[in-house]
Amino acid sequence: MEKADLSKTKPALPGEASRPDRLRAVSLEALEQILSAHRIYLETSRQQGTRADLSAADLTGCDLSGKALRRIKLDHALLRNANLAYANLEKANLIGAPISRRRRSMRRVSSARIWSLPS
């Protein structure tokens, strides 16, 4: 069996292998319920409510401006045209979520885990 010449292959970007095949649709009603439970999760220091997991969710065009999105899971979420202005994304997981530079007018984004794959 012939070995592949690894010197000519491009290494996969970290997280690329785990990129989901399909995005999951989230209705506005479901999104409000998820964010409401997440707000309780934050207000009670993680004792009640549930940490929002919107991983691989299609959030195209959603208005998340001013929302408390601290510690939210948004890895591989599609945030095209989503309004994240003044959203608190402290310690949020945004790995693999494509975010354009002009959309990064978010509050407390410095400690968010952002690592976007090239679009």
Protein backbone atom coordinates (compact mmCIF):
# COMPACT_ATOMS: atom_id res chain seq x y z
CA MET A 1 0.00 0.00 0.00
CA GLU A 2 1.45 3.36 -1.06
CA LYS A 3 1.80 6.12 1.53
CA ALA A 4 0.40 9.56 0.74
CA ASP A 5 2.90 12.37 0.35
CA LEU A 6 1.89 14.61 3.27
CA SER A 7 4.27 17.37 2.22
CA LYS A 8 1.94 18.25 -0.69
CA THR A 9 -1.35 18.04 1.17
CA LYS A 10 -2.88 20.95 2.97
CA PRO A 11 -3.63 20.19 6.62
CA ALA A 12 -7.27 20.49 7.67
CA LEU A 13 -8.05 23.49 9.78
CA PRO A 14 -8.78 22.66 13.41
CA GLY A 15 -12.49 22.08 13.80
CA GLU A 16 -13.01 21.57 10.08
CA ALA A 17 -13.42 17.85 10.48
CA SER A 18 -16.17 18.43 13.01
CA ARG A 19 -18.08 20.98 10.88
CA PRO A 20 -21.68 19.75 10.77
CA ASP A 21 -23.17 18.65 7.45
CA ARG A 22 -26.48 20.41 8.10
CA LEU A 23 -27.59 23.38 10.11
CA ARG A 24 -30.63 23.01 12.31
CA ALA A 25 -33.50 25.41 11.93
CA VAL A 26 -34.64 27.26 15.05
CA SER A 27 -38.01 29.01 15.05
CA LEU A 28 -38.32 32.45 16.64
CA GLU A 29 -40.52 30.95 19.38
CA ALA A 30 -37.97 28.24 20.15
CA LEU A 31 -35.17 30.83 20.12
CA GLU A 32 -37.05 32.98 22.65
CA GLN A 33 -37.57 29.94 24.93
CA ILE A 34 -33.91 28.95 24.65
CA LEU A 35 -32.72 32.49 25.42
CA SER A 36 -35.19 32.83 28.30
CA ALA A 37 -33.89 29.63 29.93
CA HIS A 38 -30.34 30.86 29.28
CA ARG A 39 -31.07 34.18 30.99
CA ILE A 40 -32.29 32.28 34.07
CA TYR A 41 -29.15 30.12 33.87
CA LEU A 42 -27.01 33.26 34.01
CA GLU A 43 -29.05 35.09 36.66
CA THR A 44 -28.97 32.12 39.04
CA SER A 45 -25.24 31.46 38.60
CA ARG A 46 -25.94 28.27 36.63
CA GLN A 47 -28.16 26.78 39.37
CA GLN A 48 -31.41 26.93 37.37
CA GLY A 49 -32.35 27.28 33.75
CA THR A 50 -30.29 25.80 30.95
CA ARG A 51 -27.18 26.90 29.12
CA ALA A 52 -28.25 27.77 25.58
CA ASP A 53 -26.85 25.43 22.96
CA LEU A 54 -27.36 26.89 19.51
CA SER A 55 -24.50 24.95 17.99
CA ALA A 56 -24.93 24.45 14.24
CA ALA A 57 -28.13 26.50 14.28
CA ASP A 58 -29.18 28.68 11.37
CA LEU A 59 -29.61 32.11 12.98
CA THR A 60 -29.57 34.05 9.73
CA GLY A 61 -31.09 37.50 10.22
CA CYS A 62 -31.89 37.02 13.93
CA ASP A 63 -31.86 40.10 16.13
CA LEU A 64 -29.67 39.22 19.11
CA SER A 65 -28.73 42.82 19.83
CA GLY A 66 -28.28 43.67 23.48
CA LYS A 67 -28.90 40.08 24.57
CA ALA A 68 -27.05 38.43 27.45
CA LEU A 69 -25.30 35.69 25.50
CA ARG A 70 -22.57 35.05 28.03
CA ARG A 71 -21.39 31.42 28.01
CA ILE A 72 -23.70 30.54 25.08
CA LYS A 73 -22.77 27.75 22.68
CA LEU A 74 -22.81 29.08 19.12
CA ASP A 75 -20.11 26.90 17.61
CA HIS A 76 -20.63 26.37 13.88
CA ALA A 77 -23.82 28.49 13.97
CA LEU A 78 -24.69 30.48 10.87
CA LEU A 79 -24.90 34.13 11.94
CA ARG A 80 -25.25 35.73 8.50
CA ASN A 81 -26.93 39.14 8.86
CA ALA A 82 -27.60 38.43 12.55
CA ASN A 83 -27.57 41.58 14.66
CA LEU A 84 -25.12 41.06 17.53
CA ALA A 85 -24.66 44.74 18.37
CA TYR A 86 -24.07 45.24 22.09
CA ALA A 87 -24.63 41.55 22.81
CA ASN A 88 -22.61 40.28 25.76
CA LEU A 89 -20.63 37.34 24.39
CA GLU A 90 -18.27 36.98 27.32
CA LYS A 91 -17.01 33.37 27.45
CA ALA A 92 -19.29 32.43 24.55
CA ASN A 93 -18.24 29.61 22.27
CA LEU A 94 -18.21 30.85 18.67
CA ILE A 95 -15.71 28.36 17.30
CA GLY A 96 -16.34 27.76 13.61
CA ALA A 97 -19.14 30.33 13.45
CA PRO A 98 -18.37 32.57 10.49
CA ILE A 99 -18.52 36.19 11.67
CA SER A 100 -17.43 39.03 9.46
CA ARG A 101 -15.24 41.71 11.01
CA ARG A 102 -17.89 44.39 10.57
CA ARG A 103 -20.29 42.37 12.73
CA ARG A 104 -17.92 42.32 15.67
CA SER A 105 -19.35 45.44 17.32
CA MET A 106 -20.28 43.28 20.26
CA ARG A 107 -19.93 44.07 23.92
CA ARG A 108 -17.43 42.04 25.93
CA VAL A 109 -16.26 39.94 23.05
CA SER A 110 -12.62 39.83 24.16
CA SER A 111 -13.06 36.68 26.24
CA ALA A 112 -15.31 34.91 23.75
CA ARG A 113 -13.81 31.90 22.03
CA ILE A 114 -13.95 33.03 18.43
CA TRP A 115 -12.21 31.06 15.77
CA SER A 116 -13.95 31.37 12.45
CA LEU A 117 -13.24 29.14 9.53
CA PRO A 118 -12.74 30.87 6.19
CA SER A 119 -16.03 31.27 4.31
